[in-house]
Amino acid sequence: MATRHDTAAPPSKEGGAAPGRPSADAVSPEAAKKRARLSRRWQRDMRWSPYAFVSPFFLLFVAFGLFPLIYTGWASLHTVELTAPTDMSWAGLRNYTRIFDDDFFWNAAKNTLTIGIISTVPQLLMAMGIAHILNYKLRASTFYRVAMLAPYATSIAAASLVFVLLFGRDYGMINWALGAVGIDNIDWQNDKWPSQIAVSSIIIWRWTGYNALIYLAAMQAIPQDLYESAALDGANRWQQFIHVTLPSLRPTILFTVVVSTIGASQVFGEPLLFDANKGASGGAEHQFQTLGLYLYEQGWVNQHLGRASAIAWTMFLILIVIGIVNYVISRRLRASS
């Protein structure tokens, strides 16, 4: 009987290339060079593109921030006038010693401090209270949050002019309301403390809503478990605010205090427009002249650019001190938490 022998096809090599598909070894030299070139381009893009994205900020900062800062510091060491800004004569530290010996400088520094305290403390307290109210579920809460930003978006000039009318001595609404309860008219522009209170009220009106939204965002980030635990322990809403909300808001409160302090040290538009007749003098007796107005008066009214540059650098050093204090306090808060 004849036997049948089946002829099987030879097995393909394991891992061999599929029929009709070129293997990696079959790539042409031109394609390999193109692939290597694209790889190098991709590596360069991944390495240098982040620097290209952030370079516009640094270019603008160097042109409009760093260079004016250095040039102002150089001008503060020279005697230079606004009429001839390129003619400089070396003065050393004489501009600094002159402003420190000037009573108007210390008056402006004191006014800046008092206006800053009068405006910052009520502003942040009111912002905290408004944020605490908005943190609960209210009808039309989005409307109230948008309304909080309306004063911040309003022009300083427009707001100041409205407040000038409100604080008018003879026909202002504030004096009319005070007269209704038997208080005589107050000369808000010419008396020292009333004028500073009036200027501070403009600042409070503009910035309270802004800080309220910052506090509101921080309050909404507090875990609800903390409030539920406090409620189970019998704490009412006021006790929850004292023992849960305020400790959780310490970094945010520190941030708003520092930012408000920096803003108060640079107050310029509100006192300038509050009494447009007196301009940079800050009232007939400089009763609400701030450091910003004093700088403007020395540089653009008296035309002493060297002296104005020294004032600007003095204000810059004050801000550095504020920043150092903020850093020390924040470190201690982190260490205690």
Protein backbone atom coordinates (compact mmCIF):
# COMPACT_ATOMS: atom_id res chain seq x y z
CA MET A 1 0.00 0.00 0.00
CA ALA A 2 1.39 3.28 -1.01
CA THR A 3 1.96 5.83 1.69
CA ARG A 4 1.06 9.50 1.28
CA HIS A 5 3.56 12.12 2.24
CA ASP A 6 2.03 15.61 2.99
CA THR A 7 4.30 18.40 2.05
CA ALA A 8 3.97 21.28 4.58
CA ALA A 9 5.11 24.82 3.93
CA PRO A 10 8.27 25.81 5.73
CA PRO A 11 7.44 27.71 8.94
CA SER A 12 8.09 31.42 8.94
CA LYS A 13 10.67 32.81 11.24
CA GLU A 14 9.28 34.00 14.56
CA GLY A 15 9.12 37.74 14.69
CA GLY A 16 9.56 38.11 10.98
CA ALA A 17 8.12 41.02 9.09
CA ALA A 18 4.60 40.74 7.78
CA PRO A 19 4.32 40.23 4.08
CA GLY A 20 4.13 43.45 2.15
CA ARG A 21 5.31 45.68 5.09
CA PRO A 22 8.85 47.08 5.03
CA SER A 23 10.94 46.34 8.07
CA ALA A 24 12.79 48.98 10.10
CA ASP A 25 16.00 48.02 8.36
CA ALA A 26 14.41 48.79 5.02
CA VAL A 27 13.94 52.57 5.76
CA SER A 28 15.78 54.64 3.23
CA PRO A 29 18.67 56.88 4.38
CA GLU A 30 16.72 60.01 3.36
CA ALA A 31 13.78 59.01 5.57
CA ALA A 32 16.12 58.24 8.45
CA LYS A 33 17.75 61.67 8.14
CA LYS A 34 14.33 63.35 8.03
CA ARG A 35 13.22 61.44 11.11
CA ALA A 36 16.38 62.43 13.01
CA ARG A 37 15.94 66.06 11.95
CA LEU A 38 12.32 66.10 13.19
CA SER A 39 13.40 64.51 16.45
CA ARG A 40 16.03 67.19 17.04
CA ARG A 41 13.52 69.90 16.16
CA TRP A 42 11.01 68.42 18.60
CA GLN A 43 13.63 68.31 21.37
CA ARG A 44 14.57 71.94 20.75
CA ASP A 45 10.90 72.91 20.76
CA MET A 46 10.28 71.15 24.08
CA ARG A 47 13.34 72.81 25.61
CA TRP A 48 13.01 76.40 24.38
CA SER A 49 9.30 76.99 23.71
CA PRO A 50 8.46 77.63 27.43
CA TYR A 51 11.06 80.42 27.46
CA ALA A 52 9.55 81.87 24.29
CA PHE A 53 6.09 81.87 25.89
CA VAL A 54 7.22 83.80 28.98
CA SER A 55 9.67 86.10 27.16
CA PRO A 56 7.06 88.83 26.33
CA PHE A 57 6.49 89.42 30.03
CA PHE A 58 10.20 89.75 30.77
CA LEU A 59 10.77 92.00 27.77
CA LEU A 60 7.96 94.31 28.87
CA PHE A 61 9.19 94.18 32.46
CA VAL A 62 12.72 95.16 31.46
CA ALA A 63 11.46 97.98 29.22
CA PHE A 64 8.77 99.41 31.49
CA GLY A 65 9.73 98.14 34.95
CA LEU A 66 13.40 97.38 35.48
CA PHE A 67 14.88 100.13 33.33
CA PRO A 68 12.73 102.94 34.84
CA LEU A 69 13.56 101.62 38.31
CA ILE A 70 17.30 101.68 37.69
CA TYR A 71 17.14 105.01 35.88
CA THR A 72 15.11 106.54 38.72
CA GLY A 73 17.68 105.31 41.25
CA TRP A 74 20.46 106.86 39.16
CA ALA A 75 18.53 110.14 38.82
CA SER A 76 17.97 110.26 42.58
CA LEU A 77 21.74 110.66 43.01
CA HIS A 78 21.83 113.69 40.70
CA THR A 79 20.42 117.18 40.50
CA VAL A 80 18.16 117.16 37.47
CA GLU A 81 15.24 119.39 36.49
CA LEU A 82 12.17 118.65 34.42
CA THR A 83 13.07 121.43 31.98
CA ALA A 84 16.43 119.75 31.17
CA PRO A 85 16.15 116.02 32.02
CA THR A 86 19.40 115.13 30.25
CA ASP A 87 21.52 117.62 32.22
CA MET A 88 22.57 115.87 35.40
CA SER A 89 25.05 116.92 38.03
CA TRP A 90 26.21 114.55 40.75
CA ALA A 91 24.54 115.19 44.11
CA GLY A 92 25.17 111.98 46.00
CA LEU A 93 22.71 111.50 48.84
CA ARG A 94 21.78 115.18 49.05
CA ASN A 95 18.32 114.59 47.57
CA TYR A 96 17.59 112.04 50.28
CA THR A 97 18.83 114.24 53.10
CA ARG A 98 16.79 117.16 51.77
CA ILE A 99 13.53 115.26 51.69
CA PHE A 100 14.16 113.79 55.14
CA ASP A 101 14.71 117.34 56.44
CA ASP A 102 11.52 118.52 54.74
CA ASP A 103 8.53 118.85 57.06
CA PHE A 104 6.18 118.36 54.11
CA PHE A 105 7.65 114.91 53.52
CA TRP A 106 6.95 113.79 57.07
CA ASN A 107 3.50 115.37 56.88
CA ALA A 108 2.81 113.36 53.71
CA ALA A 109 4.14 110.19 55.32
CA LYS A 110 1.93 110.72 58.36
CA ASN A 111 -1.11 111.43 56.17
CA THR A 112 -0.40 108.29 54.15
CA LEU A 113 -0.28 106.24 57.35
CA THR A 114 -3.49 107.65 58.80
CA ILE A 115 -5.43 107.44 55.53
CA GLY A 116 -4.15 103.89 55.11
CA ILE A 117 -5.38 102.88 58.57
CA ILE A 118 -8.72 104.66 58.21
CA SER A 119 -9.36 103.06 54.83
CA THR A 120 -7.85 99.59 55.27
CA VAL A 121 -9.27 98.49 58.63
CA PRO A 122 -12.98 99.24 57.92
CA GLN A 123 -12.58 98.03 54.36
CA LEU A 124 -11.33 94.58 55.31
CA LEU A 125 -13.83 94.21 58.16
CA MET A 126 -16.72 95.08 55.86
CA ALA A 127 -15.35 92.79 53.16
CA MET A 128 -15.19 89.91 55.63
CA GLY A 129 -18.78 90.47 56.72
CA ILE A 130 -20.08 90.74 53.14
CA ALA A 131 -18.21 87.58 52.14
CA HIS A 132 -19.63 85.73 55.14
CA ILE A 133 -23.17 86.70 54.09
CA LEU A 134 -22.60 85.78 50.44
CA ASN A 135 -21.14 82.43 51.47
CA TYR A 136 -24.63 81.26 52.45
CA LYS A 137 -27.21 80.30 49.84
CA LEU A 138 -28.98 83.46 48.71
CA ARG A 139 -31.34 84.19 45.88
CA ALA A 140 -29.65 86.00 42.99
CA SER A 141 -26.23 85.40 44.57
CA THR A 142 -24.53 85.81 41.19
CA PHE A 143 -26.03 89.29 40.88
CA TYR A 144 -24.65 90.30 44.27
CA ARG A 145 -21.21 88.99 43.42
CA VAL A 146 -21.13 90.93 40.16
CA ALA A 147 -22.39 94.02 41.99
CA MET A 148 -19.47 93.74 44.40
CA LEU A 149 -17.07 94.31 41.50
CA ALA A 150 -18.92 97.34 40.10
CA PRO A 151 -17.09 99.91 42.28
CA TYR A 152 -13.74 98.31 41.41
CA ALA A 153 -14.51 98.61 37.70
CA THR A 154 -15.59 102.25 38.03
CA SER A 155 -13.17 104.98 36.99
CA ILE A 156 -11.31 106.68 39.83
CA ALA A 157 -12.07 110.08 38.32
CA ALA A 158 -15.81 109.39 38.08
CA ALA A 159 -16.00 108.00 41.61
CA SER A 160 -13.99 110.88 43.09
CA LEU A 161 -16.15 113.51 41.40
CA VAL A 162 -19.30 111.88 42.77
CA PHE A 163 -17.85 111.81 46.28
CA VAL A 164 -16.81 115.46 45.96
CA LEU A 165 -20.48 116.29 45.39
CA LEU A 166 -21.57 114.10 48.29
CA PHE A 167 -19.09 115.77 50.66
CA GLY A 168 -19.80 119.32 49.54
CA ARG A 169 -19.86 121.81 52.42
CA ASP A 170 -22.98 123.76 51.46
CA TYR A 171 -24.97 121.47 49.17
CA GLY A 172 -23.56 118.00 49.80
CA MET A 173 -25.85 115.12 50.69
CA ILE A 174 -23.65 114.08 53.64
CA ASN A 175 -24.00 117.45 55.35
CA TRP A 176 -27.71 117.46 54.52
CA ALA A 177 -28.12 114.12 56.31
CA LEU A 178 -26.05 115.33 59.27
CA GLY A 179 -28.09 118.52 59.45
CA ALA A 180 -31.26 116.43 59.67
CA VAL A 181 -30.01 115.06 63.01
CA GLY A 182 -28.83 118.45 64.29
CA ILE A 183 -25.13 118.38 63.30
CA ASP A 184 -23.68 121.54 61.75
CA ASN A 185 -22.12 121.49 58.29
CA ILE A 186 -18.61 120.04 58.13
CA ASP A 187 -15.98 121.49 55.82
CA TRP A 188 -14.87 118.16 54.40
CA GLN A 189 -12.20 119.58 52.09
CA ASN A 190 -10.44 122.05 54.39
CA ASP A 191 -10.50 120.36 57.81
CA LYS A 192 -7.80 117.77 58.42
CA TRP A 193 -9.63 114.74 59.82
CA PRO A 194 -12.86 115.21 57.85
CA SER A 195 -10.87 115.48 54.61
CA GLN A 196 -8.92 112.30 55.38
CA ILE A 197 -12.12 110.47 56.27
CA ALA A 198 -13.69 111.63 53.00
CA VAL A 199 -10.70 110.45 50.95
CA SER A 200 -10.68 107.14 52.83
CA SER A 201 -14.38 106.65 52.07
CA ILE A 202 -13.60 106.71 48.34
CA ILE A 203 -10.97 104.00 48.83
CA ILE A 204 -13.32 101.94 50.99
CA TRP A 205 -16.09 102.17 48.40
CA ARG A 206 -13.81 101.07 45.55
CA TRP A 207 -12.00 98.17 47.18
CA THR A 208 -14.41 96.58 49.67
CA GLY A 209 -16.17 94.45 47.05
CA TYR A 210 -12.88 93.31 45.54
CA ASN A 211 -11.61 92.04 48.90
CA ALA A 212 -15.02 90.54 49.67
CA LEU A 213 -14.78 88.32 46.59
CA ILE A 214 -11.29 87.22 47.62
CA TYR A 215 -12.58 86.26 51.07
CA LEU A 216 -15.60 84.55 49.51
CA ALA A 217 -13.39 82.39 47.28
CA ALA A 218 -11.29 81.40 50.30
CA MET A 219 -14.41 80.60 52.36
CA GLN A 220 -15.80 78.33 49.66
CA ALA A 221 -12.54 76.36 49.72
CA ILE A 222 -13.02 75.49 53.41
CA PRO A 223 -14.18 71.84 53.77
CA GLN A 224 -17.82 71.55 54.86
CA ASP A 225 -16.84 68.72 57.20
CA LEU A 226 -15.34 71.27 59.58
CA TYR A 227 -18.64 73.14 59.83
CA GLU A 228 -20.61 69.92 60.26
CA SER A 229 -18.30 68.80 63.05
CA ALA A 230 -18.64 72.17 64.76
CA ALA A 231 -22.43 72.04 64.42
CA LEU A 232 -22.49 68.57 65.98
CA ASP A 233 -20.52 69.95 68.91
CA GLY A 234 -23.22 72.58 69.41
CA ALA A 235 -21.50 75.61 67.84
CA ASN A 236 -23.79 78.27 66.42
CA ARG A 237 -23.00 80.26 63.27
CA TRP A 238 -21.04 82.93 65.11
CA GLN A 239 -18.94 80.34 66.93
CA GLN A 240 -18.36 78.52 63.63
CA PHE A 241 -17.16 81.79 62.10
CA ILE A 242 -14.77 82.45 64.98
CA HIS A 243 -13.36 78.96 65.41
CA VAL A 244 -13.55 77.56 61.87
CA THR A 245 -13.71 80.34 59.28
CA LEU A 246 -11.20 82.81 60.68
CA PRO A 247 -8.42 80.25 61.39
CA SER A 248 -8.84 78.86 57.87
CA LEU A 249 -8.62 82.35 56.38
CA ARG A 250 -5.38 83.41 58.05
CA PRO A 251 -3.24 83.22 54.85
CA THR A 252 -5.91 85.06 52.86
CA ILE A 253 -6.29 87.73 55.54
CA LEU A 254 -2.53 88.24 55.57
CA PHE A 255 -2.53 88.56 51.78
CA THR A 256 -5.29 91.19 51.74
CA VAL A 257 -3.66 93.14 54.57
CA VAL A 258 -0.34 93.27 52.72
CA VAL A 259 -1.91 94.17 49.36
CA SER A 260 -4.11 96.83 50.97
CA THR A 261 -1.12 98.27 52.82
CA ILE A 262 0.87 98.49 49.59
CA GLY A 263 -2.09 100.12 47.86
CA ALA A 264 -2.55 102.60 50.71
CA SER A 265 1.10 103.64 50.48
CA GLN A 266 0.58 104.48 46.79
CA VAL A 267 -2.71 106.40 47.06
CA PHE A 268 -2.71 109.13 44.44
CA GLY A 269 -5.85 109.56 42.33
CA GLU A 270 -8.41 109.90 45.12
CA PRO A 271 -6.75 112.77 47.06
CA LEU A 272 -5.67 114.49 43.82
CA LEU A 273 -9.23 114.67 42.50
CA PHE A 274 -10.91 115.29 45.84
CA ASP A 275 -9.81 118.93 45.75
CA ALA A 276 -8.94 119.73 42.15
CA ASN A 277 -8.35 123.41 42.95
CA LYS A 278 -5.42 122.60 45.24
CA GLY A 279 -4.08 119.82 43.03
CA ALA A 280 -0.96 118.06 44.29
CA SER A 281 -0.75 120.11 47.49
CA GLY A 282 -3.44 117.95 49.08
CA GLY A 283 -5.55 120.75 50.45
CA ALA A 284 -4.87 124.33 51.52
CA GLU A 285 -2.67 123.17 54.42
CA HIS A 286 -1.49 119.86 52.93
CA GLN A 287 -3.91 118.14 55.29
CA PHE A 288 -4.49 115.12 53.05
CA GLN A 289 -1.34 115.16 50.91
CA THR A 290 -0.01 111.62 50.55
CA LEU A 291 3.46 110.46 49.51
CA GLY A 292 2.19 109.96 45.96
CA LEU A 293 0.97 113.57 45.82
CA TYR A 294 4.20 114.81 47.40
CA LEU A 295 6.21 112.97 44.73
CA TYR A 296 4.03 114.45 41.97
CA GLU A 297 4.36 117.94 43.45
CA GLN A 298 8.15 117.77 43.63
CA GLY A 299 8.62 116.28 40.18
CA TRP A 300 5.95 117.85 37.98
CA VAL A 301 4.95 121.01 39.82
CA ASN A 302 8.28 122.12 41.30
CA GLN A 303 10.13 120.33 38.44
CA HIS A 304 12.76 118.74 40.70
CA LEU A 305 13.11 115.31 39.07
CA GLY A 306 16.10 114.31 41.20
CA ARG A 307 14.21 114.96 44.40
CA ALA A 308 11.11 113.18 43.06
CA SER A 309 13.26 110.17 42.16
CA ALA A 310 14.58 110.06 45.72
CA ILE A 311 10.99 110.05 47.02
CA ALA A 312 10.10 107.24 44.62
CA TRP A 313 13.01 105.12 45.82
CA THR A 314 12.12 105.85 49.44
CA MET A 315 8.61 104.56 48.76
CA PHE A 316 10.13 101.51 47.05
CA LEU A 317 12.24 100.77 50.13
CA ILE A 318 9.14 101.08 52.30
CA LEU A 319 7.43 98.45 50.13
CA ILE A 320 10.46 96.18 50.54
CA VAL A 321 10.15 96.49 54.31
CA ILE A 322 6.45 95.61 54.05
CA GLY A 323 7.36 92.57 51.97
CA ILE A 324 9.93 91.41 54.54
CA VAL A 325 7.41 91.78 57.36
CA ASN A 326 4.92 89.78 55.31
CA TYR A 327 7.48 87.03 54.77
CA VAL A 328 8.34 86.81 58.48
CA ILE A 329 4.69 86.72 59.55
CA SER A 330 3.75 84.13 56.92
CA ARG A 331 6.61 81.87 58.04
CA ARG A 332 5.48 82.09 61.64
CA LEU A 333 1.90 81.32 60.63
CA ARG A 334 3.02 78.26 58.68
CA ALA A 335 5.16 77.12 61.61
CA SER A 336 2.31 77.51 64.10
CA SER A 337 -0.27 75.71 61.91
